Amino acid sequence: PYNCAGIAGLVDDDTASYRNRDTYTWRVATDINLGGLVGTIPP
């Protein structure tokens, strides 16, 4: 939406929270290709 905080900003290394609306568990990582620290976010 127009004027949301962060609009047009890079996603890389600039996310503070998350929501999983999927039926699958998601993994996030601090490096490309799921490298570095890896965390899981349940459905």
Full PDB file with SEQRES, HELIX, SHEET, SSBOND, CRYST1, ORIGX, SCALE, CONECT and MASTER records, all heavy atoms in Angstrom:
SEQRES   1 A   43  PRO TYR ASN CYS ALA GLY ILE ALA GLY LEU VAL ASP ASP          
SEQRES   2 A   43  ASP THR ALA SER TYR ARG ASN ARG ASP THR TYR THR TRP          
SEQRES   3 A   43  ARG VAL ALA THR ASP ILE ASN LEU GLY GLY LEU VAL GLY          
SEQRES   4 A   43  THR ILE PRO PRO                                              
HELIX    1 AA1 ILE A   32  LEU A   34  5                                   3    
SHEET    1 AA1 2 TRP A  26  ASP A  31  0                                        
SHEET    2 AA1 2 GLY A  35  ILE A  41 -1                                        
CRYST1    1.000    1.000    1.000  90.00  90.00  90.00 P 1           1          
ORIGX1      1.000000  0.000000  0.000000        0.00000                         
ORIGX2      0.000000  1.000000  0.000000        0.00000                         
ORIGX3      0.000000  0.000000  1.000000        0.00000                         
SCALE1      1.000000  0.000000  0.000000        0.00000                         
SCALE2      0.000000  1.000000  0.000000        0.00000                         
SCALE3      0.000000  0.000000  1.000000        0.00000                         
ATOM      1  N   PRO A   1       0.826  -1.202   0.000  1.00  0.00           N  
ATOM      2  CA  PRO A   1       0.000   0.000   0.000  1.00  0.00           C  
ATOM      3  C   PRO A   1       0.867   1.262   0.000  1.00  0.00           C  
ATOM      4  O   PRO A   1       1.944   1.285   0.593  1.00  0.00           O  
ATOM      5  CB  PRO A   1      -0.794  -0.102   1.307  1.00  0.00           C  
ATOM      6  CG  PRO A   1      -0.721  -1.530   1.696  1.00  0.00           C  
ATOM      7  CD  PRO A   1       0.569  -2.053   1.149  1.00  0.00           C  
ATOM      8  N   TYR A   2       0.382   2.260  -0.647  1.00  0.00           N  
ATOM      9  CA  TYR A   2       1.087   3.530  -0.722  1.00  0.00           C  
ATOM     10  C   TYR A   2       1.445   4.016   0.681  1.00  0.00           C  
ATOM     11  O   TYR A   2       0.623   3.993   1.587  1.00  0.00           O  
ATOM     12  CB  TYR A   2       0.197   4.562  -1.433  1.00  0.00           C  
ATOM     13  CG  TYR A   2       0.829   5.923  -1.571  1.00  0.00           C  
ATOM     14  CD1 TYR A   2       1.901   6.118  -2.426  1.00  0.00           C  
ATOM     15  CD2 TYR A   2       0.359   6.993  -0.841  1.00  0.00           C  
ATOM     16  CE1 TYR A   2       2.488   7.360  -2.565  1.00  0.00           C  
ATOM     17  CE2 TYR A   2       0.921   8.240  -0.967  1.00  0.00           C  
ATOM     18  CZ  TYR A   2       1.995   8.418  -1.833  1.00  0.00           C  
ATOM     19  OH  TYR A   2       2.575   9.651  -1.947  1.00  0.00           O  
ATOM     20  N   ASN A   3       2.661   4.434   0.860  1.00  0.00           N  
ATOM     21  CA  ASN A   3       3.178   5.003   2.108  1.00  0.00           C  
ATOM     22  C   ASN A   3       3.372   4.020   3.252  1.00  0.00           C  
ATOM     23  O   ASN A   3       3.488   4.430   4.389  1.00  0.00           O  
ATOM     24  CB  ASN A   3       2.300   6.171   2.596  1.00  0.00           C  
ATOM     25  CG  ASN A   3       2.575   7.430   1.822  1.00  0.00           C  
ATOM     26  OD1 ASN A   3       3.640   7.587   1.238  1.00  0.00           O  
ATOM     27  ND2 ASN A   3       1.611   8.325   1.796  1.00  0.00           N  
ATOM     28  N   CYS A   4       3.391   2.710   2.999  1.00  0.00           N  
ATOM     29  CA  CYS A   4       3.713   1.808   4.102  1.00  0.00           C  
ATOM     30  C   CYS A   4       5.197   1.991   4.422  1.00  0.00           C  
ATOM     31  O   CYS A   4       6.010   2.276   3.545  1.00  0.00           O  
ATOM     32  CB  CYS A   4       3.378   0.354   3.771  1.00  0.00           C  
ATOM     33  SG  CYS A   4       4.256  -0.378   2.372  1.00  0.00           S  
ATOM     34  N   ALA A   5       5.553   1.867   5.688  1.00  0.00           N  
ATOM     35  CA  ALA A   5       6.945   2.035   6.102  1.00  0.00           C  
ATOM     36  C   ALA A   5       7.821   1.012   5.391  1.00  0.00           C  
ATOM     37  O   ALA A   5       7.505  -0.170   5.358  1.00  0.00           O  
ATOM     38  CB  ALA A   5       7.065   1.876   7.611  1.00  0.00           C  
ATOM     39  N   GLY A   6       8.904   1.464   4.795  1.00  0.00           N  
ATOM     40  CA  GLY A   6       9.837   0.589   4.105  1.00  0.00           C  
ATOM     41  C   GLY A   6       9.572   0.443   2.619  1.00  0.00           C  
ATOM     42  O   GLY A   6      10.302  -0.283   1.941  1.00  0.00           O  
ATOM     43  N   ILE A   7       8.554   1.102   2.084  1.00  0.00           N  
ATOM     44  CA  ILE A   7       8.190   0.966   0.674  1.00  0.00           C  
ATOM     45  C   ILE A   7       9.413   1.182  -0.222  1.00  0.00           C  
ATOM     46  O   ILE A   7      10.185   2.111  -0.005  1.00  0.00           O  
ATOM     47  CB  ILE A   7       7.032   1.917   0.276  1.00  0.00           C  
ATOM     48  CG1 ILE A   7       6.488   1.593  -1.110  1.00  0.00           C  
ATOM     49  CG2 ILE A   7       7.447   3.371   0.334  1.00  0.00           C  
ATOM     50  CD1 ILE A   7       5.478   0.528  -1.123  1.00  0.00           C  
ATOM     51  N   ALA A   8       9.621   0.291  -1.147  1.00  0.00           N  
ATOM     52  CA  ALA A   8      10.717   0.310  -2.119  1.00  0.00           C  
ATOM     53  C   ALA A   8      12.086   0.056  -1.491  1.00  0.00           C  
ATOM     54  O   ALA A   8      13.097   0.133  -2.177  1.00  0.00           O  
ATOM     55  CB  ALA A   8      10.723   1.605  -2.915  1.00  0.00           C  
ATOM     56  N   GLY A   9      12.136  -0.276  -0.204  1.00  0.00           N  
ATOM     57  CA  GLY A   9      13.402  -0.607   0.434  1.00  0.00           C  
ATOM     58  C   GLY A   9      13.780  -2.049   0.173  1.00  0.00           C  
ATOM     59  O   GLY A   9      12.929  -2.902  -0.080  1.00  0.00           O  
ATOM     60  N   LEU A  10      15.065  -2.346   0.232  1.00  0.00           N  
ATOM     61  CA  LEU A  10      15.546  -3.714   0.056  1.00  0.00           C  
ATOM     62  C   LEU A  10      15.078  -4.601   1.206  1.00  0.00           C  
ATOM     63  O   LEU A  10      15.101  -4.185   2.360  1.00  0.00           O  
ATOM     64  CB  LEU A  10      17.066  -3.741   0.001  1.00  0.00           C  
ATOM     65  CG  LEU A  10      17.709  -3.396  -1.326  1.00  0.00           C  
ATOM     66  CD1 LEU A  10      19.217  -3.265  -1.174  1.00  0.00           C  
ATOM     67  CD2 LEU A  10      17.383  -4.453  -2.370  1.00  0.00           C  
ATOM     68  N   VAL A  11      14.681  -5.797   0.886  1.00  0.00           N  
ATOM     69  CA  VAL A  11      14.253  -6.770   1.890  1.00  0.00           C  
ATOM     70  C   VAL A  11      15.466  -7.361   2.605  1.00  0.00           C  
ATOM     71  O   VAL A  11      15.431  -7.601   3.814  1.00  0.00           O  
ATOM     72  CB  VAL A  11      13.418  -7.896   1.236  1.00  0.00           C  
ATOM     73  CG1 VAL A  11      13.075  -8.986   2.232  1.00  0.00           C  
ATOM     74  CG2 VAL A  11      12.162  -7.320   0.599  1.00  0.00           C  
ATOM     75  N   ASP A  12      16.546  -7.561   1.868  1.00  0.00           N  
ATOM     76  CA  ASP A  12      17.752  -8.199   2.389  1.00  0.00           C  
ATOM     77  C   ASP A  12      18.262  -7.490   3.644  1.00  0.00           C  
ATOM     78  O   ASP A  12      18.531  -6.293   3.628  1.00  0.00           O  
ATOM     79  CB  ASP A  12      18.838  -8.195   1.304  1.00  0.00           C  
ATOM     80  CG  ASP A  12      20.047  -9.008   1.690  1.00  0.00           C  
ATOM     81  OD1 ASP A  12      19.896 -10.032   2.379  1.00  0.00           O  
ATOM     82  OD2 ASP A  12      21.158  -8.614   1.288  1.00  0.00           O  
ATOM     83  N   ASP A  13      18.382  -8.230   4.728  1.00  0.00           N  
ATOM     84  CA  ASP A  13      18.889  -7.717   6.002  1.00  0.00           C  
ATOM     85  C   ASP A  13      18.088  -6.537   6.528  1.00  0.00           C  
ATOM     86  O   ASP A  13      18.627  -5.640   7.180  1.00  0.00           O  
ATOM     87  CB  ASP A  13      20.371  -7.318   5.876  1.00  0.00           C  
ATOM     88  CG  ASP A  13      21.278  -8.504   5.672  1.00  0.00           C  
ATOM     89  OD1 ASP A  13      20.914  -9.616   6.084  1.00  0.00           O  
ATOM     90  OD2 ASP A  13      22.358  -8.325   5.085  1.00  0.00           O  
ATOM     91  N   ASP A  14      16.774  -6.517   6.254  1.00  0.00           N  
ATOM     92  CA  ASP A  14      15.951  -5.407   6.720  1.00  0.00           C  
ATOM     93  C   ASP A  14      14.521  -5.849   7.042  1.00  0.00           C  
ATOM     94  O   ASP A  14      13.563  -5.196   6.655  1.00  0.00           O  
ATOM     95  CB  ASP A  14      15.944  -4.280   5.678  1.00  0.00           C  
ATOM     96  CG  ASP A  14      15.725  -2.914   6.308  1.00  0.00           C  
ATOM     97  OD1 ASP A  14      15.723  -2.816   7.550  1.00  0.00           O  
ATOM     98  OD2 ASP A  14      15.545  -1.941   5.557  1.00  0.00           O  
ATOM     99  N   THR A  15      14.376  -6.969   7.742  1.00  0.00           N  
ATOM    100  CA  THR A  15      13.057  -7.430   8.168  1.00  0.00           C  
ATOM    101  C   THR A  15      13.064  -7.639   9.678  1.00  0.00           C  
ATOM    102  O   THR A  15      14.017  -8.180  10.228  1.00  0.00           O  
ATOM    103  CB  THR A  15      12.655  -8.744   7.467  1.00  0.00           C  
ATOM    104  OG1 THR A  15      13.635  -9.740   7.734  1.00  0.00           O  
ATOM    105  CG2 THR A  15      12.540  -8.545   5.966  1.00  0.00           C  
ATOM    106  N   ALA A  16      11.981  -7.207  10.327  1.00  0.00           N  
ATOM    107  CA  ALA A  16      11.930  -7.248  11.784  1.00  0.00           C  
ATOM    108  C   ALA A  16      10.902  -8.225  12.349  1.00  0.00           C  
ATOM    109  O   ALA A  16      10.954  -8.573  13.520  1.00  0.00           O  
ATOM    110  CB  ALA A  16      11.658  -5.848  12.322  1.00  0.00           C  
ATOM    111  N   SER A  17       9.936  -8.651  11.525  1.00  0.00           N  
ATOM    112  CA  SER A  17       8.920  -9.590  12.015  1.00  0.00           C  
ATOM    113  C   SER A  17       8.387 -10.417  10.856  1.00  0.00           C  
ATOM    114  O   SER A  17       8.673 -10.131   9.694  1.00  0.00           O  
ATOM    115  CB  SER A  17       7.780  -8.838  12.710  1.00  0.00           C  
ATOM    116  OG  SER A  17       7.145  -7.926  11.851  1.00  0.00           O  
ATOM    117  N   TYR A  18       7.609 -11.452  11.197  1.00  0.00           N  
ATOM    118  CA  TYR A  18       7.080 -12.326  10.156  1.00  0.00           C  
ATOM    119  C   TYR A  18       5.749 -12.936  10.574  1.00  0.00           C  
ATOM    120  O   TYR A  18       5.388 -12.959  11.742  1.00  0.00           O  
ATOM    121  CB  TYR A  18       8.037 -13.453   9.777  1.00  0.00           C  
ATOM    122  CG  TYR A  18       9.042 -13.854  10.807  1.00  0.00           C  
ATOM    123  CD1 TYR A  18       8.663 -14.507  11.967  1.00  0.00           C  
ATOM    124  CD2 TYR A  18      10.380 -13.571  10.620  1.00  0.00           C  
ATOM    125  CE1 TYR A  18       9.600 -14.878  12.907  1.00  0.00           C  
ATOM    126  CE2 TYR A  18      11.325 -13.946  11.554  1.00  0.00           C  
ATOM    127  CZ  TYR A  18      10.935 -14.596  12.696  1.00  0.00           C  
ATOM    128  OH  TYR A  18      11.867 -14.959  13.621  1.00  0.00           O  
ATOM    129  N   ARG A  19       5.049 -13.418   9.548  1.00  0.00           N  
ATOM    130  CA  ARG A  19       3.782 -14.113   9.761  1.00  0.00           C  
ATOM    131  C   ARG A  19       3.707 -15.245   8.742  1.00  0.00           C  
ATOM    132  O   ARG A  19       3.940 -15.035   7.554  1.00  0.00           O  
ATOM    133  CB  ARG A  19       2.609 -13.162   9.564  1.00  0.00           C  
ATOM    134  CG  ARG A  19       1.264 -13.835   9.786  1.00  0.00           C  
ATOM    135  CD  ARG A  19       0.125 -12.860   9.693  1.00  0.00           C  
ATOM    136  NE  ARG A  19      -1.136 -13.565   9.915  1.00  0.00           N  
ATOM    137  CZ  ARG A  19      -2.313 -13.046   9.673  1.00  0.00           C  
ATOM    138  NH1 ARG A  19      -2.416 -11.805   9.246  1.00  0.00           N  
ATOM    139  NH2 ARG A  19      -3.398 -13.763   9.875  1.00  0.00           N  
ATOM    140  N   ASN A  20       3.356 -16.429   9.224  1.00  0.00           N  
ATOM    141  CA  ASN A  20       3.257 -17.590   8.346  1.00  0.00           C  
ATOM    142  C   ASN A  20       1.786 -17.947   8.137  1.00  0.00           C  
ATOM    143  O   ASN A  20       1.160 -18.547   9.003  1.00  0.00           O  
ATOM    144  CB  ASN A  20       4.020 -18.772   8.933  1.00  0.00           C  
ATOM    145  CG  ASN A  20       4.079 -19.947   7.986  1.00  0.00           C  
ATOM    146  OD1 ASN A  20       3.459 -19.940   6.927  1.00  0.00           O  
ATOM    147  ND2 ASN A  20       4.822 -20.969   8.357  1.00  0.00           N  
ATOM    148  N   ARG A  21       1.238 -17.605   6.980  1.00  0.00           N  
ATOM    149  CA  ARG A  21      -0.148 -17.952   6.639  1.00  0.00           C  
ATOM    150  C   ARG A  21      -0.194 -19.200   5.764  1.00  0.00           C  
ATOM    151  O   ARG A  21      -1.210 -19.512   5.162  1.00  0.00           O  
ATOM    152  CB  ARG A  21      -0.829 -16.790   5.920  1.00  0.00           C  
ATOM    153  CG  ARG A  21      -1.031 -15.584   6.840  1.00  0.00           C  
ATOM    154  CD  ARG A  21      -1.949 -14.566   6.271  1.00  0.00           C  
ATOM    155  NE  ARG A  21      -3.298 -15.125   6.138  1.00  0.00           N  
ATOM    156  CZ  ARG A  21      -4.269 -14.529   5.468  1.00  0.00           C  
ATOM    157  NH1 ARG A  21      -4.058 -13.368   4.880  1.00  0.00           N  
ATOM    158  NH2 ARG A  21      -5.451 -15.091   5.378  1.00  0.00           N  
ATOM    159  N   ASP A  22       0.916 -19.914   5.719  1.00  0.00           N  
ATOM    160  CA  ASP A  22       1.026 -21.136   4.929  1.00  0.00           C  
ATOM    161  C   ASP A  22       0.703 -22.338   5.811  1.00  0.00           C  
ATOM    162  O   ASP A  22       0.676 -22.238   7.034  1.00  0.00           O  
ATOM    163  CB  ASP A  22       2.455 -21.250   4.385  1.00  0.00           C  
ATOM    164  CG  ASP A  22       2.566 -22.126   3.171  1.00  0.00           C  
ATOM    165  OD1 ASP A  22       1.635 -22.883   2.864  1.00  0.00           O  
ATOM    166  OD2 ASP A  22       3.625 -22.076   2.513  1.00  0.00           O  
ATOM    167  N   THR A  23       0.489 -23.483   5.185  1.00  0.00           N  
ATOM    168  CA  THR A  23       0.288 -24.721   5.933  1.00  0.00           C  
ATOM    169  C   THR A  23       1.607 -25.448   6.169  1.00  0.00           C  
ATOM    170  O   THR A  23       1.630 -26.469   6.838  1.00  0.00           O  
ATOM    171  CB  THR A  23      -0.683 -25.658   5.187  1.00  0.00           C  
ATOM    172  OG1 THR A  23      -0.165 -25.919   3.885  1.00  0.00           O  
ATOM    173  CG2 THR A  23      -2.064 -25.034   5.085  1.00  0.00           C  
ATOM    174  N   TYR A  24       2.677 -24.922   5.601  1.00  0.00           N  
ATOM    175  CA  TYR A  24       4.013 -25.501   5.750  1.00  0.00           C  
ATOM    176  C   TYR A  24       4.865 -24.671   6.692  1.00  0.00           C  
ATOM    177  O   TYR A  24       4.664 -23.466   6.826  1.00  0.00           O  
ATOM    178  CB  TYR A  24       4.724 -25.568   4.388  1.00  0.00           C  
ATOM    179  CG  TYR A  24       4.063 -26.512   3.428  1.00  0.00           C  
ATOM    180  CD1 TYR A  24       3.222 -26.035   2.423  1.00  0.00           C  
ATOM    181  CD2 TYR A  24       4.261 -27.879   3.518  1.00  0.00           C  
ATOM    182  CE1 TYR A  24       2.606 -26.902   1.537  1.00  0.00           C  
ATOM    183  CE2 TYR A  24       3.640 -28.751   2.645  1.00  0.00           C  
ATOM    184  CZ  TYR A  24       2.820 -28.257   1.655  1.00  0.00           C  
ATOM    185  OH  TYR A  24       2.218 -29.118   0.791  1.00  0.00           O  
ATOM    186  N   THR A  25       5.837 -25.312   7.311  1.00  0.00           N  
ATOM    187  CA  THR A  25       6.839 -24.613   8.104  1.00  0.00           C  
ATOM    188  C   THR A  25       7.804 -23.923   7.149  1.00  0.00           C  
ATOM    189  O   THR A  25       8.183 -24.491   6.128  1.00  0.00           O  
ATOM    190  CB  THR A  25       7.603 -25.607   8.997  1.00  0.00           C  
ATOM    191  OG1 THR A  25       6.670 -26.185   9.922  1.00  0.00           O  
ATOM    192  CG2 THR A  25       8.735 -24.937   9.748  1.00  0.00           C  
ATOM    193  N   TRP A  26       8.199 -22.707   7.475  1.00  0.00           N  
ATOM    194  CA  TRP A  26       9.183 -21.965   6.677  1.00  0.00           C  
ATOM    195  C   TRP A  26      10.480 -21.871   7.442  1.00  0.00           C  
ATOM    196  O   TRP A  26      10.492 -21.860   8.674  1.00  0.00           O  
ATOM    197  CB  TRP A  26       8.650 -20.564   6.357  1.00  0.00           C  
ATOM    198  CG  TRP A  26       7.746 -20.562   5.184  1.00  0.00           C  
ATOM    199  CD1 TRP A  26       6.455 -20.993   5.142  1.00  0.00           C  
ATOM    200  CD2 TRP A  26       8.070 -20.123   3.870  1.00  0.00           C  
ATOM    201  NE1 TRP A  26       5.954 -20.851   3.871  1.00  0.00           N  
ATOM    202  CE2 TRP A  26       6.928 -20.312   3.072  1.00  0.00           C  
ATOM    203  CE3 TRP A  26       9.212 -19.585   3.281  1.00  0.00           C  
ATOM    204  CZ2 TRP A  26       6.886 -19.987   1.728  1.00  0.00           C  
ATOM    205  CZ3 TRP A  26       9.171 -19.248   1.941  1.00  0.00           C  
ATOM    206  CH2 TRP A  26       8.021 -19.458   1.174  1.00  0.00           C  
ATOM    207  N   ARG A  27      11.570 -21.822   6.702  1.00  0.00           N  
ATOM    208  CA  ARG A  27      12.896 -21.606   7.284  1.00  0.00           C  
ATOM    209  C   ARG A  27      13.432 -20.281   6.763  1.00  0.00           C  
ATOM    210  O   ARG A  27      13.273 -19.964   5.578  1.00  0.00           O  
ATOM    211  CB  ARG A  27      13.845 -22.746   6.920  1.00  0.00           C  
ATOM    212  CG  ARG A  27      13.438 -24.057   7.549  1.00  0.00           C  
ATOM    213  CD  ARG A  27      14.404 -25.167   7.256  1.00  0.00           C  
ATOM    214  NE  ARG A  27      14.329 -25.504   5.828  1.00  0.00           N  
ATOM    215  CZ  ARG A  27      15.142 -26.347   5.223  1.00  0.00           C  
ATOM    216  NH1 ARG A  27      16.095 -26.941   5.894  1.00  0.00           N  
ATOM    217  NH2 ARG A  27      15.000 -26.616   3.953  1.00  0.00           N  
ATOM    218  N   VAL A  28      14.039 -19.519   7.639  1.00  0.00           N  
ATOM    219  CA  VAL A  28      14.703 -18.270   7.257  1.00  0.00           C  
ATOM    220  C   VAL A  28      16.171 -18.385   7.638  1.00  0.00           C  
ATOM    221  O   VAL A  28      16.520 -19.115   8.564  1.00  0.00           O  
ATOM    222  CB  VAL A  28      14.064 -17.040   7.946  1.00  0.00           C  
ATOM    223  CG1 VAL A  28      12.637 -16.836   7.470  1.00  0.00           C  
ATOM    224  CG2 VAL A  28      14.113 -17.149   9.464  1.00  0.00           C  
ATOM    225  N   ALA A  29      17.020 -17.669   6.903  1.00  0.00           N  
ATOM    226  CA  ALA A  29      18.456 -17.760   7.164  1.00  0.00           C  
ATOM    227  C   ALA A  29      19.123 -16.396   7.013  1.00  0.00           C  
ATOM    228  O   ALA A  29      18.624 -15.518   6.305  1.00  0.00           O  
ATOM    229  CB  ALA A  29      19.099 -18.765   6.216  1.00  0.00           C  
ATOM    230  N   THR A  30      20.270 -16.257   7.653  1.00  0.00           N  
ATOM    231  CA  THR A  30      20.998 -14.995   7.633  1.00  0.00           C  
ATOM    232  C   THR A  30      21.940 -14.857   6.441  1.00  0.00           C  
ATOM    233  O   THR A  30      22.529 -13.795   6.251  1.00  0.00           O  
ATOM    234  CB  THR A  30      21.799 -14.819   8.938  1.00  0.00           C  
ATOM    235  OG1 THR A  30      22.675 -15.945   9.100  1.00  0.00           O  
ATOM    236  CG2 THR A  30      20.865 -14.724  10.144  1.00  0.00           C  
ATOM    237  N   ASP A  31      22.090 -15.906   5.647  1.00  0.00           N  
ATOM    238  CA  ASP A  31      22.926 -15.855   4.444  1.00  0.00           C  
ATOM    239  C   ASP A  31      22.131 -16.404   3.259  1.00  0.00           C  
ATOM    240  O   ASP A  31      21.114 -17.072   3.441  1.00  0.00           O  
ATOM    241  CB  ASP A  31      24.204 -16.680   4.623  1.00  0.00           C  
ATOM    242  CG  ASP A  31      25.176 -16.063   5.617  1.00  0.00           C  
ATOM    243  OD1 ASP A  31      25.139 -14.836   5.820  1.00  0.00           O  
ATOM    244  OD2 ASP A  31      25.971 -16.823   6.204  1.00  0.00           O  
ATOM    245  N   ILE A  32      22.621 -16.146   2.051  1.00  0.00           N  
ATOM    246  CA  ILE A  32      21.964 -16.666   0.853  1.00  0.00           C  
ATOM    247  C   ILE A  32      21.991 -18.189   0.870  1.00  0.00           C  
ATOM    248  O   ILE A  32      22.806 -18.800   1.571  1.00  0.00           O  
ATOM    249  CB  ILE A  32      22.597 -16.110  -0.448  1.00  0.00           C  
ATOM    250  CG1 ILE A  32      24.042 -16.538  -0.589  1.00  0.00           C  
ATOM    251  CG2 ILE A  32      22.466 -14.603  -0.515  1.00  0.00           C  
ATOM    252  CD1 ILE A  32      24.642 -16.238  -1.959  1.00  0.00           C  
ATOM    253  N   ASN A  33      21.102 -18.777   0.100  1.00  0.00           N  
ATOM    254  CA  ASN A  33      21.016 -20.232  -0.047  1.00  0.00           C  
ATOM    255  C   ASN A  33      20.835 -20.952   1.287  1.00  0.00           C  
ATOM    256  O   ASN A  33      21.359 -22.047   1.492  1.00  0.00           O  
ATOM    257  CB  ASN A  33      22.233 -20.778  -0.798  1.00  0.00           C  
ATOM    258  CG  ASN A  33      22.329 -20.210  -2.185  1.00  0.00           C  
ATOM    259  OD1 ASN A  33      21.328 -20.081  -2.877  1.00  0.00           O  
ATOM    260  ND2 ASN A  33      23.526 -19.835  -2.593  1.00  0.00           N  
ATOM    261  N   LEU A  34      20.113 -20.320   2.181  1.00  0.00           N  
ATOM    262  CA  LEU A  34      19.809 -20.860   3.504  1.00  0.00           C  
ATOM    263  C   LEU A  34      21.069 -21.166   4.313  1.00  0.00           C  
ATOM    264  O   LEU A  34      21.144 -22.150   5.039  1.00  0.00           O  
ATOM    265  CB  LEU A  34      18.908 -22.099   3.393  1.00  0.00           C  
ATOM    266  CG  LEU A  34      17.846 -22.202   4.478  1.00  0.00           C  
ATOM    267  CD1 LEU A  34      16.874 -21.043   4.440  1.00  0.00           C  
ATOM    268  CD2 LEU A  34      17.124 -23.505   4.406  1.00  0.00           C  
ATOM    269  N   GLY A  35      22.044 -20.295   4.183  1.00  0.00           N  
ATOM    270  CA  GLY A  35      23.281 -20.425   4.946  1.00  0.00           C  
ATOM    271  C   GLY A  35      23.242 -19.582   6.206  1.00  0.00           C  
ATOM    272  O   GLY A  35      22.291 -18.862   6.473  1.00  0.00           O  
ATOM    273  N   GLY A  36      24.297 -19.678   6.988  1.00  0.00           N  
ATOM    274  CA  GLY A  36      24.380 -18.925   8.242  1.00  0.00           C  
ATOM    275  C   GLY A  36      23.441 -19.499   9.283  1.00  0.00           C  
ATOM    276  O   GLY A  36      23.179 -20.695   9.316  1.00  0.00           O  
ATOM    277  N   LEU A  37      22.898 -18.631  10.123  1.00  0.00           N  
ATOM    278  CA  LEU A  37      21.934 -19.070  11.122  1.00  0.00           C  
ATOM    279  C   LEU A  37      20.605 -19.372  10.442  1.00  0.00           C  
ATOM    280  O   LEU A  37      20.174 -18.611   9.573  1.00  0.00           O  
ATOM    281  CB  LEU A  37      21.718 -17.978  12.168  1.00  0.00           C  
ATOM    282  CG  LEU A  37      22.918 -17.611  13.038  1.00  0.00           C  
ATOM    283  CD1 LEU A  37      22.562 -16.451  13.950  1.00  0.00           C  
ATOM    284  CD2 LEU A  37      23.366 -18.809  13.852  1.00  0.00           C  
ATOM    285  N   VAL A  38      19.973 -20.462  10.828  1.00  0.00           N  
ATOM    286  CA  VAL A  38      18.699 -20.867  10.237  1.00  0.00           C  
ATOM    287  C   VAL A  38      17.669 -21.019  11.353  1.00  0.00           C  
ATOM    288  O   VAL A  38      17.941 -21.641  12.378  1.00  0.00           O  
ATOM    289  CB  VAL A  38      18.837 -22.198   9.460  1.00  0.00           C  
ATOM    290  CG1 VAL A  38      17.498 -22.636   8.900  1.00  0.00           C  
ATOM    291  CG2 VAL A  38      19.876 -22.081   8.362  1.00  0.00           C  
ATOM    292  N   GLY A  39      16.495 -20.433  11.138  1.00  0.00           N  
ATOM    293  CA  GLY A  39      15.396 -20.551  12.085  1.00  0.00           C  
ATOM    294  C   GLY A  39      14.161 -21.078  11.392  1.00  0.00           C  
ATOM    295  O   GLY A  39      14.042 -20.998  10.170  1.00  0.00           O  
ATOM    296  N   THR A  40      13.232 -21.641  12.156  1.00  0.00           N  
ATOM    297  CA  THR A  40      12.001 -22.181  11.582  1.00  0.00           C  
ATOM    298  C   THR A  40      10.794 -21.400  12.100  1.00  0.00           C  
ATOM    299  O   THR A  40      10.756 -20.994  13.264  1.00  0.00           O  
ATOM    300  CB  THR A  40      11.818 -23.671  11.910  1.00  0.00           C  
ATOM    301  OG1 THR A  40      11.814 -23.844  13.323  1.00  0.00           O  
ATOM    302  CG2 THR A  40      12.927 -24.504  11.302  1.00  0.00           C  
ATOM    303  N   ILE A  41       9.825 -21.225  11.209  1.00  0.00           N  
ATOM    304  CA  ILE A  41       8.595 -20.511  11.518  1.00  0.00           C  
ATOM    305  C   ILE A  41       7.434 -21.464  11.223  1.00  0.00           C  
ATOM    306  O   ILE A  41       7.157 -21.764  10.058  1.00  0.00           O  
ATOM    307  CB  ILE A  41       8.440 -19.237  10.656  1.00  0.00           C  
ATOM    308  CG1 ILE A  41       9.745 -18.447  10.519  1.00  0.00           C  
ATOM    309  CG2 ILE A  41       7.291 -18.393  11.165  1.00  0.00           C  
ATOM    310  CD1 ILE A  41      10.346 -17.941  11.790  1.00  0.00           C  
ATOM    311  N   PRO A  42       6.745 -21.954  12.251  1.00  0.00           N  
ATOM    312  CA  PRO A  42       5.667 -22.925  12.026  1.00  0.00           C  
ATOM    313  C   PRO A  42       4.418 -22.285  11.413  1.00  0.00           C  
ATOM    314  O   PRO A  42       4.250 -21.061  11.490  1.00  0.00           O  
ATOM    315  CB  PRO A  42       5.379 -23.455  13.433  1.00  0.00           C  
ATOM    316  CG  PRO A  42       5.809 -22.373  14.358  1.00  0.00           C  
ATOM    317  CD  PRO A  42       6.959 -21.675  13.674  1.00  0.00           C  
ATOM    318  N   PRO A  43       3.543 -23.094  10.837  1.00  0.00           N  
ATOM    319  CA  PRO A  43       2.292 -22.567  10.280  1.00  0.00           C  
ATOM    320  C   PRO A  43       1.504 -21.781  11.332  1.00  0.00           C  
ATOM    321  O   PRO A  43       1.437 -22.183  12.499  1.00  0.00           O  
ATOM    322  CB  PRO A  43       1.520 -23.819   9.866  1.00  0.00           C  
ATOM    323  CG  PRO A  43       2.568 -24.863   9.663  1.00  0.00           C  
ATOM    324  CD  PRO A  43       3.638 -24.550  10.667  1.00  0.00           C  
TER     325      PRO A  43                                                      
MASTER        0    0    0    1    2    0    0    6  324    1    0    4          
END                                                                             
